Amino acid sequence: MVTRRAYEKYCSKCKMLFKAEEIESPMFRYRVFCKAEYCLEK
C-alpha cells in the first residue's frame, strides 16, 4: 500500500507496475501490485 504522493512519484511511471487499485484508507490511497523485488523491500 502506498500514499498518493509515492504512487505518483515512483509507481505510476514504473515499467514493472502490474496494477494499482484505489482503496479507502486514511493514510494510504493505493494498493500496488508490482513485479519488482526492490520495491517490495522498501
PDB file of N, CA and C in Angstrom:
ATOM      1  N   MET A   1       0.845  -1.166   0.000  1.00  0.00           N
ATOM      2  CA  MET A   1       0.000   0.000   0.000  1.00  0.00           C
ATOM      3  C   MET A   1       0.896   1.236   0.000  1.00  0.00           C
ATOM      4  N   VAL A   2       0.506   2.217  -0.771  1.00  0.00           N
ATOM      5  CA  VAL A   2       1.303   3.436  -0.888  1.00  0.00           C
ATOM      6  C   VAL A   2       0.407   4.669  -0.831  1.00  0.00           C
ATOM      7  N   THR A   3       1.024   5.783  -0.489  1.00  0.00           N
ATOM      8  CA  THR A   3       0.319   7.059  -0.485  1.00  0.00           C
ATOM      9  C   THR A   3       0.180   7.567  -1.917  1.00  0.00           C
ATOM     10  N   ARG A   4      -0.662   8.550  -2.090  1.00  0.00           N
ATOM     11  CA  ARG A   4      -0.855   9.143  -3.421  1.00  0.00           C
ATOM     12  C   ARG A   4       0.461   9.739  -3.938  1.00  0.00           C
ATOM     13  N   ARG A   5       1.180  10.429  -3.067  1.00  0.00           N
ATOM     14  CA  ARG A   5       2.435  11.064  -3.481  1.00  0.00           C
ATOM     15  C   ARG A   5       3.481  10.039  -3.911  1.00  0.00           C
ATOM     16  N   ALA A   6       3.612   8.957  -3.153  1.00  0.00           N
ATOM     17  CA  ALA A   6       4.567   7.902  -3.503  1.00  0.00           C
ATOM     18  C   ALA A   6       4.172   7.229  -4.810  1.00  0.00           C
ATOM     19  N   TYR A   7       2.887   7.016  -5.010  1.00  0.00           N
ATOM     20  CA  TYR A   7       2.420   6.408  -6.253  1.00  0.00           C
ATOM     21  C   TYR A   7       2.766   7.286  -7.449  1.00  0.00           C
ATOM     22  N   GLU A   8       2.482   8.570  -7.339  1.00  0.00           N
ATOM     23  CA  GLU A   8       2.755   9.484  -8.446  1.00  0.00           C
ATOM     24  C   GLU A   8       4.250   9.630  -8.711  1.00  0.00           C
ATOM     25  N   LYS A   9       5.050   9.610  -7.651  1.00  0.00           N
ATOM     26  CA  LYS A   9       6.495   9.816  -7.794  1.00  0.00           C
ATOM     27  C   LYS A   9       7.225   8.573  -8.299  1.00  0.00           C
ATOM     28  N   TYR A  10       6.847   7.404  -7.812  1.00  0.00           N
ATOM     29  CA  TYR A  10       7.592   6.192  -8.121  1.00  0.00           C
ATOM     30  C   TYR A  10       6.833   5.186  -8.985  1.00  0.00           C
ATOM     31  N   CYS A  11       5.623   4.871  -8.611  1.00  0.00           N
ATOM     32  CA  CYS A  11       4.924   3.736  -9.219  1.00  0.00           C
ATOM     33  C   CYS A  11       4.273   4.039 -10.565  1.00  0.00           C
ATOM     34  N   SER A  12       3.718   5.216 -10.740  1.00  0.00           N
ATOM     35  CA  SER A  12       2.932   5.493 -11.935  1.00  0.00           C
ATOM     36  C   SER A  12       3.745   5.405 -13.223  1.00  0.00           C
ATOM     37  N   LYS A  13       5.050   5.662 -13.151  1.00  0.00           N
ATOM     38  CA  LYS A  13       5.900   5.636 -14.342  1.00  0.00           C
ATOM     39  C   LYS A  13       6.733   4.355 -14.456  1.00  0.00           C
ATOM     40  N   CYS A  14       6.570   3.456 -13.501  1.00  0.00           N
ATOM     41  CA  CYS A  14       7.389   2.247 -13.448  1.00  0.00           C
ATOM     42  C   CYS A  14       6.934   1.219 -14.481  1.00  0.00           C
ATOM     43  N   LYS A  15       7.886   0.617 -15.155  1.00  0.00           N
ATOM     44  CA  LYS A  15       7.586  -0.420 -16.154  1.00  0.00           C
ATOM     45  C   LYS A  15       7.168  -1.726 -15.502  1.00  0.00           C
ATOM     46  N   MET A  16       7.521  -1.910 -14.243  1.00  0.00           N
ATOM     47  CA  MET A  16       7.247  -3.169 -13.556  1.00  0.00           C
ATOM     48  C   MET A  16       5.885  -3.182 -12.861  1.00  0.00           C
ATOM     49  N   LEU A  17       5.142  -2.082 -12.929  1.00  0.00           N
ATOM     50  CA  LEU A  17       3.829  -1.999 -12.298  1.00  0.00           C
ATOM     51  C   LEU A  17       2.856  -2.940 -12.990  1.00  0.00           C
ATOM     52  N   PHE A  18       2.234  -3.795 -12.221  1.00  0.00           N
ATOM     53  CA  PHE A  18       1.250  -4.732 -12.760  1.00  0.00           C
ATOM     54  C   PHE A  18      -0.128  -4.088 -12.758  1.00  0.00           C
ATOM     55  N   LYS A  19      -0.551  -3.619 -11.581  1.00  0.00           N
ATOM     56  CA  LYS A  19      -1.810  -2.875 -11.471  1.00  0.00           C
ATOM     57  C   LYS A  19      -1.852  -2.143 -10.143  1.00  0.00           C
ATOM     58  N   ALA A  20      -2.731  -1.139 -10.067  1.00  0.00           N
ATOM     59  CA  ALA A  20      -2.922  -0.374  -8.842  1.00  0.00           C
ATOM     60  C   ALA A  20      -4.415  -0.213  -8.612  1.00  0.00           C
ATOM     61  N   GLU A  21      -4.829  -0.443  -7.378  1.00  0.00           N
ATOM     62  CA  GLU A  21      -6.235  -0.301  -7.003  1.00  0.00           C
ATOM     63  C   GLU A  21      -6.364   0.826  -5.991  1.00  0.00           C
ATOM     64  N   GLU A  22      -7.345   1.697  -6.185  1.00  0.00           N
ATOM     65  CA  GLU A  22      -7.619   2.736  -5.189  1.00  0.00           C
ATOM     66  C   GLU A  22      -8.349   2.102  -4.025  1.00  0.00           C
ATOM     67  N   ILE A  23      -7.919   2.465  -2.810  1.00  0.00           N
ATOM     68  CA  ILE A  23      -8.558   1.955  -1.603  1.00  0.00           C
ATOM     69  C   ILE A  23      -8.963   3.132  -0.728  1.00  0.00           C
ATOM     70  N   GLU A  24      -9.857   2.892   0.181  1.00  0.00           N
ATOM     71  CA  GLU A  24     -10.298   3.920   1.117  1.00  0.00           C
ATOM     72  C   GLU A  24      -9.624   3.674   2.456  1.00  0.00           C
ATOM     73  N   SER A  25      -8.543   4.393   2.662  1.00  0.00           N
ATOM     74  CA  SER A  25      -7.777   4.293   3.894  1.00  0.00           C
ATOM     75  C   SER A  25      -7.338   5.705   4.276  1.00  0.00           C
ATOM     76  N   PRO A  26      -7.286   6.021   5.550  1.00  0.00           N
ATOM     77  CA  PRO A  26      -6.899   7.375   5.946  1.00  0.00           C
ATOM     78  C   PRO A  26      -5.458   7.734   5.570  1.00  0.00           C
ATOM     79  N   MET A  27      -4.569   6.754   5.506  1.00  0.00           N
ATOM     80  CA  MET A  27      -3.167   7.055   5.217  1.00  0.00           C
ATOM     81  C   MET A  27      -2.758   6.667   3.806  1.00  0.00           C
ATOM     82  N   PHE A  28      -3.200   5.519   3.339  1.00  0.00           N
ATOM     83  CA  PHE A  28      -2.785   5.018   2.036  1.00  0.00           C
ATOM     84  C   PHE A  28      -3.900   5.173   1.022  1.00  0.00           C
ATOM     85  N   ARG A  29      -3.532   5.464  -0.213  1.00  0.00           N
ATOM     86  CA  ARG A  29      -4.518   5.696  -1.259  1.00  0.00           C
ATOM     87  C   ARG A  29      -4.592   4.543  -2.256  1.00  0.00           C
ATOM     88  N   TYR A  30      -3.480   3.840  -2.474  1.00  0.00           N
ATOM     89  CA  TYR A  30      -3.431   2.796  -3.492  1.00  0.00           C
ATOM     90  C   TYR A  30      -2.871   1.492  -2.935  1.00  0.00           C
ATOM     91  N   ARG A  31      -3.369   0.392  -3.443  1.00  0.00           N
ATOM     92  CA  ARG A  31      -2.759  -0.921  -3.246  1.00  0.00           C
ATOM     93  C   ARG A  31      -2.089  -1.233  -4.579  1.00  0.00           C
ATOM     94  N   VAL A  32      -0.774  -1.424  -4.538  1.00  0.00           N
ATOM     95  CA  VAL A  32       0.017  -1.584  -5.748  1.00  0.00           C
ATOM     96  C   VAL A  32       0.473  -3.030  -5.887  1.00  0.00           C
ATOM     97  N   PHE A  33       0.326  -3.546  -7.079  1.00  0.00           N
ATOM     98  CA  PHE A  33       0.823  -4.874  -7.415  1.00  0.00           C
ATOM     99  C   PHE A  33       1.951  -4.681  -8.423  1.00  0.00           C
ATOM    100  N   CYS A  34       3.156  -5.054  -8.010  1.00  0.00           N
ATOM    101  CA  CYS A  34       4.340  -4.767  -8.814  1.00  0.00           C
ATOM    102  C   CYS A  34       5.180  -6.030  -8.963  1.00  0.00           C
ATOM    103  N   LYS A  35       5.903  -6.126 -10.080  1.00  0.00           N
ATOM    104  CA  LYS A  35       6.761  -7.267 -10.342  1.00  0.00           C
ATOM    105  C   LYS A  35       8.200  -7.042  -9.892  1.00  0.00           C
ATOM    106  N   ALA A  36       8.521  -5.848  -9.386  1.00  0.00           N
ATOM    107  CA  ALA A  36       9.893  -5.522  -8.991  1.00  0.00           C
ATOM    108  C   ALA A  36      10.152  -5.916  -7.541  1.00  0.00           C
ATOM    109  N   GLU A  37      11.192  -6.696  -7.325  1.00  0.00           N
ATOM    110  CA  GLU A  37      11.547  -7.142  -5.986  1.00  0.00           C
ATOM    111  C   GLU A  37      12.061  -5.995  -5.114  1.00  0.00           C
ATOM    112  N   TYR A  38      12.801  -5.045  -5.708  1.00  0.00           N
ATOM    113  CA  TYR A  38      13.378  -3.966  -4.903  1.00  0.00           C
ATOM    114  C   TYR A  38      12.311  -3.039  -4.331  1.00  0.00           C
ATOM    115  N   CYS A  39      11.182  -2.934  -4.959  1.00  0.00           N
ATOM    116  CA  CYS A  39      10.097  -2.099  -4.412  1.00  0.00           C
ATOM    117  C   CYS A  39       9.464  -2.761  -3.189  1.00  0.00           C
ATOM    118  N   LEU A  40       9.380  -4.060  -3.201  1.00  0.00           N
ATOM    119  CA  LEU A  40       8.791  -4.782  -2.087  1.00  0.00           C
ATOM    120  C   LEU A  40       9.653  -4.686  -0.831  1.00  0.00           C
ATOM    121  N   GLU A  41      10.950  -4.523  -1.008  1.00  0.00           N
ATOM    122  CA  GLU A  41      11.863  -4.466   0.123  1.00  0.00           C
ATOM    123  C   GLU A  41      11.846  -3.109   0.817  1.00  0.00           C
ATOM    124  N   LYS A  42      11.393  -2.065   0.157  1.00  0.00           N
ATOM    125  CA  LYS A  42      11.393  -0.711   0.734  1.00  0.00           C
ATOM    126  C   LYS A  42      10.322  -0.554   1.778  1.00  0.00           C
TER     127      LYS A  42
END
